[in-house]
Every structure is written in structure tokens, then in C-alpha cells.
Amino acid sequence: MIWDWDYFWEALPIVVGDGLWITFQVTLLGSIVAYLLGMVLALLRRSRIRVVSTVTWAFIEFIRSTPLLVQLFFLFFVFPDFGLKFGPVTTGVIALGLHYSTYAAEVYRAGIEAVPVGQWEAATALSLPRARTWRAVILPQAIPRVLPALGNYTISMVKETPLLLTIGVTDIAGAAFQEASSTYRYVEPITIAGLLFLVLSYSASLLVRWLERRVGTLH
């Protein structure tokens, strides 16, 4: 198939207009859910109550060990039978956030465990409340250590959004395929989709690097 620049410029606003906002929205909201829930799971994983830590560990391992596509299927097609029904975009955000929260939890846990034991001992010696110890001593040292890994998961989420096509969410890839199926020309729309994913992924990478420098300076 011969490359057609005229069709490329014709298809560009269609793919961008129909899919870019959905991809950005799902990735941003999914990241927020993943990193907030991941912190909660990391803290529960470290709970002194054995039942809580064990159940949290089992939940993390279960979610990490099953494919995101299967989780999407159950959330969208099976859970409504039990009264839990969400729209396609909401389901996508929940699935991405839940799936990557388990990875984020392990990253947070590694960052927390990397904080020197002396920091805990110093906080104890100063009689700092446990909540303040976490807020003022432990997390400010742990978070900068884990930013690169969390940034990688954000980039991965951008590239996972095409899976949402299975539940009817039209992201960049979905918009590209819809345009291609209407004209039977696939090279230009799929190339546009690839370039948009590249731009989004690279932008996320630059943002993470900026955050690393910013947090490092504050720290």
C-alpha cells in the first residue's frame, strides 16, 4: 500500500479528536487510583495484625498474577450480575488502577524498607507519634526512591489502554481502527496512533524526570 500524505493529514484530527482525550483521561485517573490505593495496600501489607497483612498479600498476588484483560472482562461483564455495574470508561479506570496498584504497593514497600532502621529508631527516641513518623520521616525518604518505578508504570498504563477496546472504550488505537475500517486504509491511521502513543509515553517520561529532580531538590 502506497503512503498517502493527504489521507494522513485527513485522518490525523479524526484519530486525535476521537481517541486522545480518552487515552489521557483513563491513564491519568488510573494512575491516581493506582498510586493512592497502592500506598494503602503497602501500609496494610506492613500491618502488625497478621490476618490483615496476610489477606493483603494474597490480594496483591492474585491481582498481579492474573491478566488485566481477564480483570476487565470480569469487571464489565460478570460483576453487573452481582449488582456492581459501571460505565465502560469508569470500568477501564478501575481496572487499570486496581491492577497497577498491586505493583505500586510492592514498589512502595521496597522504598519504605530501604529507609535506614536508624530513622525509625530516631523517631522512637523523639517519641514521635506513629502517624507523624510516617508523614514527616519515612515517606519523604521513601517516595523519591520509588518515583522512577512508578513513572514506568504510568508509561505502561498508556500502552495498556488499547485493551479497553474489549469493553467498548474508543482510545487512540480504537479511533485509528475505526477510521481504517471505514476507508480500508490501515497504514496511515495506525501510524498516527503509534506516534500519539510515543508522544504520550515520552511526555510521561519527561514528567517523571522533572518530578525526580523537583522532589530531590525539596528533599
C-alpha atoms as a PDB file:
ATOM      1  CA  MET A   1       0.000   0.000   0.000  1.00  0.00           C
ATOM      2  CA  ILE A   2       1.396   3.373  -1.061  1.00  0.00           C
ATOM      3  CA  TRP A   3       1.690   6.003   1.655  1.00  0.00           C
ATOM      4  CA  ASP A   4      -0.769   8.852   1.170  1.00  0.00           C
ATOM      5  CA  TRP A   5       0.149  12.094   2.914  1.00  0.00           C
ATOM      6  CA  ASP A   6      -3.167  13.698   2.024  1.00  0.00           C
ATOM      7  CA  TYR A   7      -5.033  10.915   3.804  1.00  0.00           C
ATOM      8  CA  PHE A   8      -2.588  11.095   6.729  1.00  0.00           C
ATOM      9  CA  TRP A   9      -3.457  14.750   7.373  1.00  0.00           C
ATOM     10  CA  GLU A  10      -7.153  13.985   6.825  1.00  0.00           C
ATOM     11  CA  ALA A  11      -7.133  11.128   9.353  1.00  0.00           C
ATOM     12  CA  LEU A  12      -4.987  12.897  11.954  1.00  0.00           C
ATOM     13  CA  PRO A  13      -7.688  15.142  13.513  1.00  0.00           C
ATOM     14  CA  ILE A  14     -10.160  12.242  13.481  1.00  0.00           C
ATOM     15  CA  VAL A  15      -7.871   9.916  15.455  1.00  0.00           C
ATOM     16  CA  VAL A  16      -6.751  12.712  17.769  1.00  0.00           C
ATOM     17  CA  GLY A  17     -10.244  14.053  18.351  1.00  0.00           C
ATOM     18  CA  ASP A  18     -11.875  10.674  18.972  1.00  0.00           C
ATOM     19  CA  GLY A  19      -9.194   8.901  20.965  1.00  0.00           C
ATOM     20  CA  LEU A  20      -6.572  11.167  22.535  1.00  0.00           C
ATOM     21  CA  TRP A  21      -8.741  12.569  25.327  1.00  0.00           C
ATOM     22  CA  ILE A  22      -9.997   9.107  26.352  1.00  0.00           C
ATOM     23  CA  THR A  23      -6.459   7.718  26.494  1.00  0.00           C
ATOM     24  CA  PHE A  24      -5.228  10.697  28.513  1.00  0.00           C
ATOM     25  CA  GLN A  25      -8.232  10.641  30.859  1.00  0.00           C
ATOM     26  CA  VAL A  26      -8.084   6.916  31.571  1.00  0.00           C
ATOM     27  CA  THR A  27      -4.315   6.981  32.092  1.00  0.00           C
ATOM     28  CA  LEU A  28      -4.412   9.992  34.425  1.00  0.00           C
ATOM     29  CA  LEU A  29      -7.299   8.746  36.564  1.00  0.00           C
ATOM     30  CA  GLY A  30      -5.976   5.189  36.541  1.00  0.00           C
ATOM     31  CA  SER A  31      -2.594   6.440  37.762  1.00  0.00           C
ATOM     32  CA  ILE A  32      -4.200   8.393  40.607  1.00  0.00           C
ATOM     33  CA  VAL A  33      -6.186   5.324  41.692  1.00  0.00           C
ATOM     34  CA  ALA A  34      -3.155   3.055  41.368  1.00  0.00           C
ATOM     35  CA  TYR A  35      -0.760   5.186  43.384  1.00  0.00           C
ATOM     36  CA  LEU A  36      -3.203   6.098  46.155  1.00  0.00           C
ATOM     37  CA  LEU A  37      -4.546   2.557  46.506  1.00  0.00           C
ATOM     38  CA  GLY A  38      -1.018   1.198  46.188  1.00  0.00           C
ATOM     39  CA  MET A  39       0.067   3.214  49.217  1.00  0.00           C
ATOM     40  CA  VAL A  40      -2.900   1.890  51.218  1.00  0.00           C
ATOM     41  CA  LEU A  41      -2.045  -1.689  50.226  1.00  0.00           C
ATOM     42  CA  ALA A  42       1.621  -1.162  51.117  1.00  0.00           C
ATOM     43  CA  LEU A  43       0.700   0.062  54.592  1.00  0.00           C
ATOM     44  CA  LEU A  44      -1.779  -2.772  55.105  1.00  0.00           C
ATOM     45  CA  ARG A  45       0.882  -5.215  53.934  1.00  0.00           C
ATOM     46  CA  ARG A  46       3.074  -3.970  56.786  1.00  0.00           C
ATOM     47  CA  SER A  47       0.297  -4.198  59.358  1.00  0.00           C
ATOM     48  CA  ARG A  48       1.206  -5.806  62.674  1.00  0.00           C
ATOM     49  CA  ILE A  49      -2.112  -7.661  62.550  1.00  0.00           C
ATOM     50  CA  ARG A  50      -1.204 -10.917  60.850  1.00  0.00           C
ATOM     51  CA  VAL A  51      -4.633 -11.519  59.310  1.00  0.00           C
ATOM     52  CA  VAL A  52      -4.630  -8.072  57.669  1.00  0.00           C
ATOM     53  CA  SER A  53      -1.118  -8.419  56.254  1.00  0.00           C
ATOM     54  CA  THR A  54      -1.798 -11.965  55.003  1.00  0.00           C
ATOM     55  CA  VAL A  55      -5.082 -11.077  53.293  1.00  0.00           C
ATOM     56  CA  THR A  56      -3.453  -8.025  51.698  1.00  0.00           C
ATOM     57  CA  TRP A  57      -0.533 -10.117  50.463  1.00  0.00           C
ATOM     58  CA  ALA A  58      -2.936 -12.689  48.965  1.00  0.00           C
ATOM     59  CA  PHE A  59      -4.945  -9.934  47.241  1.00  0.00           C
ATOM     60  CA  ILE A  60      -1.806  -8.353  45.770  1.00  0.00           C
ATOM     61  CA  GLU A  61      -0.501 -11.667  44.473  1.00  0.00           C
ATOM     62  CA  PHE A  62      -3.882 -12.607  42.997  1.00  0.00           C
ATOM     63  CA  ILE A  63      -4.265  -9.346  41.075  1.00  0.00           C
ATOM     64  CA  ARG A  64      -0.629  -9.313  39.893  1.00  0.00           C
ATOM     65  CA  SER A  65      -0.861 -12.929  38.741  1.00  0.00           C
ATOM     66  CA  THR A  66      -3.961 -12.560  36.564  1.00  0.00           C
ATOM     67  CA  PRO A  67      -4.085 -10.733  33.209  1.00  0.00           C
ATOM     68  CA  LEU A  68      -5.523  -7.241  33.009  1.00  0.00           C
ATOM     69  CA  LEU A  69      -7.718  -8.366  30.110  1.00  0.00           C
ATOM     70  CA  VAL A  70      -9.371 -11.021  32.290  1.00  0.00           C
ATOM     71  CA  GLN A  71      -9.919  -8.481  35.066  1.00  0.00           C
ATOM     72  CA  LEU A  72     -11.540  -6.098  32.569  1.00  0.00           C
ATOM     73  CA  PHE A  73     -13.844  -8.865  31.397  1.00  0.00           C
ATOM     74  CA  PHE A  74     -14.984  -9.734  34.912  1.00  0.00           C
ATOM     75  CA  LEU A  75     -15.467  -6.118  35.975  1.00  0.00           C
ATOM     76  CA  PHE A  76     -17.557  -5.252  32.928  1.00  0.00           C
ATOM     77  CA  PHE A  77     -19.418  -8.465  32.077  1.00  0.00           C
ATOM     78  CA  VAL A  78     -19.586 -10.526  35.286  1.00  0.00           C
ATOM     79  CA  PHE A  79     -19.783  -8.081  38.199  1.00  0.00           C
ATOM     80  CA  PRO A  80     -23.065  -6.488  36.941  1.00  0.00           C
ATOM     81  CA  ASP A  81     -24.719  -9.832  37.746  1.00  0.00           C
ATOM     82  CA  PHE A  82     -23.842  -9.121  41.376  1.00  0.00           C
ATOM     83  CA  GLY A  83     -25.105  -5.544  41.329  1.00  0.00           C
ATOM     84  CA  LEU A  84     -21.785  -3.829  40.545  1.00  0.00           C
ATOM     85  CA  LYS A  85     -22.205  -2.055  37.227  1.00  0.00           C
ATOM     86  CA  PHE A  86     -20.038   0.764  35.881  1.00  0.00           C
ATOM     87  CA  GLY A  87     -19.761   2.561  32.570  1.00  0.00           C
ATOM     88  CA  PRO A  88     -17.026   1.484  30.125  1.00  0.00           C
ATOM     89  CA  VAL A  89     -14.641   4.377  30.905  1.00  0.00           C
ATOM     90  CA  THR A  90     -15.157   4.030  34.658  1.00  0.00           C
ATOM     91  CA  THR A  91     -14.548   0.293  34.386  1.00  0.00           C
ATOM     92  CA  GLY A  92     -11.341   0.966  32.488  1.00  0.00           C
ATOM     93  CA  VAL A  93     -10.112   3.392  35.133  1.00  0.00           C
ATOM     94  CA  ILE A  94     -10.950   0.950  37.939  1.00  0.00           C
ATOM     95  CA  ALA A  95      -9.298  -1.974  36.149  1.00  0.00           C
ATOM     96  CA  LEU A  96      -6.094  -0.095  35.351  1.00  0.00           C
ATOM     97  CA  GLY A  97      -5.951   1.480  38.805  1.00  0.00           C
ATOM     98  CA  LEU A  98      -6.608  -1.778  40.626  1.00  0.00           C
ATOM     99  CA  HIS A  99      -4.179  -3.778  38.502  1.00  0.00           C
ATOM    100  CA  TYR A 100      -1.286  -1.356  38.800  1.00  0.00           C
ATOM    101  CA  SER A 101      -1.971  -0.557  42.459  1.00  0.00           C
ATOM    102  CA  THR A 102      -0.642  -4.001  43.332  1.00  0.00           C
ATOM    103  CA  TYR A 103       2.621  -3.272  41.530  1.00  0.00           C
ATOM    104  CA  ALA A 104       2.790   0.173  43.113  1.00  0.00           C
ATOM    105  CA  ALA A 105       2.242  -1.404  46.539  1.00  0.00           C
ATOM    106  CA  GLU A 106       5.319  -3.579  46.141  1.00  0.00           C
ATOM    107  CA  VAL A 107       7.337  -0.601  44.924  1.00  0.00           C
ATOM    108  CA  TYR A 108       6.241   1.452  47.929  1.00  0.00           C
ATOM    109  CA  ARG A 109       7.080  -1.439  50.231  1.00  0.00           C
ATOM    110  CA  ALA A 110      10.580  -1.686  48.784  1.00  0.00           C
ATOM    111  CA  GLY A 111      11.051   2.071  49.159  1.00  0.00           C
ATOM    112  CA  ILE A 112       9.882   2.011  52.765  1.00  0.00           C
ATOM    113  CA  GLU A 113      12.129  -0.909  53.633  1.00  0.00           C
ATOM    114  CA  ALA A 114      15.075   0.942  52.075  1.00  0.00           C
ATOM    115  CA  VAL A 115      14.773   3.702  54.675  1.00  0.00           C
ATOM    116  CA  PRO A 116      17.564   3.105  57.239  1.00  0.00           C
ATOM    117  CA  VAL A 117      16.487   1.496  60.505  1.00  0.00           C
ATOM    118  CA  GLY A 118      18.152   4.386  62.327  1.00  0.00           C
ATOM    119  CA  GLN A 119      15.412   6.701  61.081  1.00  0.00           C
ATOM    120  CA  TRP A 120      12.775   4.598  62.826  1.00  0.00           C
ATOM    121  CA  GLU A 121      14.885   4.452  65.970  1.00  0.00           C
ATOM    122  CA  ALA A 122      15.405   8.218  65.956  1.00  0.00           C
ATOM    123  CA  ALA A 123      11.666   8.816  65.611  1.00  0.00           C
ATOM    124  CA  THR A 124      11.029   6.447  68.507  1.00  0.00           C
ATOM    125  CA  ALA A 125      13.680   8.169  70.628  1.00  0.00           C
ATOM    126  CA  LEU A 126      11.977  11.503  69.980  1.00  0.00           C
ATOM    127  CA  SER A 127       8.613   9.991  70.955  1.00  0.00           C
ATOM    128  CA  LEU A 128       7.075  10.992  67.640  1.00  0.00           C
ATOM    129  CA  PRO A 129       3.523   9.691  67.099  1.00  0.00           C
ATOM    130  CA  ARG A 130       3.383   6.864  64.558  1.00  0.00           C
ATOM    131  CA  ALA A 131       1.351   8.926  62.083  1.00  0.00           C
ATOM    132  CA  ARG A 132       3.858  11.775  62.229  1.00  0.00           C
ATOM    133  CA  THR A 133       6.746   9.343  61.872  1.00  0.00           C
ATOM    134  CA  TRP A 134       5.267   8.138  58.608  1.00  0.00           C
ATOM    135  CA  ARG A 135       4.336  11.606  57.365  1.00  0.00           C
ATOM    136  CA  ALA A 136       7.460  13.542  58.351  1.00  0.00           C
ATOM    137  CA  VAL A 137      10.238  10.946  58.424  1.00  0.00           C
ATOM    138  CA  ILE A 138       9.600   7.750  56.465  1.00  0.00           C
ATOM    139  CA  LEU A 139       7.532   8.700  53.421  1.00  0.00           C
ATOM    140  CA  PRO A 140       9.597  11.804  52.494  1.00  0.00           C
ATOM    141  CA  GLN A 141      12.599   9.489  52.217  1.00  0.00           C
ATOM    142  CA  ALA A 142      10.794   6.570  50.585  1.00  0.00           C
ATOM    143  CA  ILE A 143       8.844   8.387  47.860  1.00  0.00           C
ATOM    144  CA  PRO A 144      11.846   9.833  45.960  1.00  0.00           C
ATOM    145  CA  ARG A 145      13.328   6.336  45.769  1.00  0.00           C
ATOM    146  CA  VAL A 146      10.283   4.891  44.022  1.00  0.00           C
ATOM    147  CA  LEU A 147       9.388   7.671  41.556  1.00  0.00           C
ATOM    148  CA  PRO A 148      11.251   6.109  38.595  1.00  0.00           C
ATOM    149  CA  ALA A 149       9.430   2.796  39.019  1.00  0.00           C
ATOM    150  CA  LEU A 150       6.047   4.499  39.399  1.00  0.00           C
ATOM    151  CA  GLY A 151       6.776   6.531  36.274  1.00  0.00           C
ATOM    152  CA  ASN A 152       7.418   3.326  34.352  1.00  0.00           C
ATOM    153  CA  TYR A 153       4.005   2.033  35.399  1.00  0.00           C
ATOM    154  CA  THR A 154       2.364   5.220  34.137  1.00  0.00           C
ATOM    155  CA  ILE A 155       4.003   4.686  30.765  1.00  0.00           C
ATOM    156  CA  SER A 156       2.827   1.067  30.809  1.00  0.00           C
ATOM    157  CA  MET A 157      -0.728   2.226  31.524  1.00  0.00           C
ATOM    158  CA  VAL A 158      -0.649   4.481  28.459  1.00  0.00           C
ATOM    159  CA  LYS A 159       0.230   1.471  26.317  1.00  0.00           C
ATOM    160  CA  GLU A 160      -2.362  -0.779  28.001  1.00  0.00           C
ATOM    161  CA  THR A 161      -5.337   1.427  27.118  1.00  0.00           C
ATOM    162  CA  PRO A 162      -5.984  -0.375  23.777  1.00  0.00           C
ATOM    163  CA  LEU A 163      -7.207  -3.322  25.875  1.00  0.00           C
ATOM    164  CA  LEU A 164     -10.226  -1.178  26.744  1.00  0.00           C
ATOM    165  CA  LEU A 165     -11.485  -1.772  23.212  1.00  0.00           C
ATOM    166  CA  THR A 166     -12.793  -5.096  24.515  1.00  0.00           C
ATOM    167  CA  ILE A 167     -15.374  -3.233  26.634  1.00  0.00           C
ATOM    168  CA  GLY A 168     -16.225  -0.582  24.051  1.00  0.00           C
ATOM    169  CA  VAL A 169     -13.876   2.249  25.061  1.00  0.00           C
ATOM    170  CA  THR A 170     -12.513   4.030  21.993  1.00  0.00           C
ATOM    171  CA  ASP A 171      -8.992   5.156  22.812  1.00  0.00           C
ATOM    172  CA  ILE A 172      -6.338   6.216  20.303  1.00  0.00           C
ATOM    173  CA  ALA A 173      -5.968   2.707  18.911  1.00  0.00           C
ATOM    174  CA  GLY A 174      -9.725   2.244  18.739  1.00  0.00           C
ATOM    175  CA  ALA A 175     -10.203   5.521  16.870  1.00  0.00           C
ATOM    176  CA  ALA A 176      -7.441   4.542  14.453  1.00  0.00           C
ATOM    177  CA  PHE A 177      -9.013   1.155  13.717  1.00  0.00           C
ATOM    178  CA  GLN A 178     -12.452   2.703  13.274  1.00  0.00           C
ATOM    179  CA  GLU A 179     -11.092   5.201  10.777  1.00  0.00           C
ATOM    180  CA  ALA A 180      -9.117   2.498   8.985  1.00  0.00           C
ATOM    181  CA  SER A 181     -12.127   0.179   8.738  1.00  0.00           C
ATOM    182  CA  SER A 182     -14.182   2.931   7.114  1.00  0.00           C
ATOM    183  CA  THR A 183     -11.613   3.593   4.376  1.00  0.00           C
ATOM    184  CA  TYR A 184      -9.783   0.225   4.215  1.00  0.00           C
ATOM    185  CA  ARG A 185      -6.513   2.102   4.600  1.00  0.00           C
ATOM    186  CA  TYR A 186      -4.718   0.977   7.737  1.00  0.00           C
ATOM    187  CA  VAL A 187      -1.130   2.211   7.445  1.00  0.00           C
ATOM    188  CA  GLU A 188      -1.769   5.919   7.980  1.00  0.00           C
ATOM    189  CA  PRO A 189      -4.264   5.667  10.918  1.00  0.00           C
ATOM    190  CA  ILE A 190      -2.183   3.039  12.751  1.00  0.00           C
ATOM    191  CA  THR A 191       0.945   5.128  12.210  1.00  0.00           C
ATOM    192  CA  ILE A 192      -0.850   8.128  13.714  1.00  0.00           C
ATOM    193  CA  ALA A 193      -1.863   6.003  16.708  1.00  0.00           C
ATOM    194  CA  GLY A 194       1.727   4.843  17.172  1.00  0.00           C
ATOM    195  CA  LEU A 195       3.039   8.408  17.037  1.00  0.00           C
ATOM    196  CA  LEU A 196       0.448   9.595  19.566  1.00  0.00           C
ATOM    197  CA  PHE A 197       1.351   6.795  21.967  1.00  0.00           C
ATOM    198  CA  LEU A 198       5.002   7.739  21.541  1.00  0.00           C
ATOM    199  CA  VAL A 199       4.259  11.385  22.352  1.00  0.00           C
ATOM    200  CA  LEU A 200       2.205  10.475  25.427  1.00  0.00           C
ATOM    201  CA  SER A 201       4.746   7.959  26.715  1.00  0.00           C
ATOM    202  CA  TYR A 202       7.680  10.293  26.192  1.00  0.00           C
ATOM    203  CA  SER A 203       5.782  13.173  27.822  1.00  0.00           C
ATOM    204  CA  ALA A 204       5.121  10.957  30.849  1.00  0.00           C
ATOM    205  CA  SER A 205       8.812  10.073  30.960  1.00  0.00           C
ATOM    206  CA  LEU A 206       9.803  13.754  30.935  1.00  0.00           C
ATOM    207  CA  LEU A 207       7.275  14.498  33.686  1.00  0.00           C
ATOM    208  CA  VAL A 208       8.714  11.750  35.866  1.00  0.00           C
ATOM    209  CA  ARG A 209      12.241  13.079  35.368  1.00  0.00           C
ATOM    210  CA  TRP A 210      11.071  16.555  36.336  1.00  0.00           C
ATOM    211  CA  LEU A 211       9.388  15.177  39.452  1.00  0.00           C
ATOM    212  CA  GLU A 212      12.548  13.295  40.370  1.00  0.00           C
ATOM    213  CA  ARG A 213      14.595  16.493  40.189  1.00  0.00           C
ATOM    214  CA  ARG A 214      11.913  18.522  41.963  1.00  0.00           C
ATOM    215  CA  VAL A 215      11.441  16.056  44.810  1.00  0.00           C
ATOM    216  CA  GLY A 216      15.198  15.561  45.072  1.00  0.00           C
ATOM    217  CA  THR A 217      15.674  19.317  45.464  1.00  0.00           C
ATOM    218  CA  LEU A 218      12.947  19.573  48.107  1.00  0.00           C
ATOM    219  CA  HIS A 219      14.335  16.572  49.900  1.00  0.00           C
END
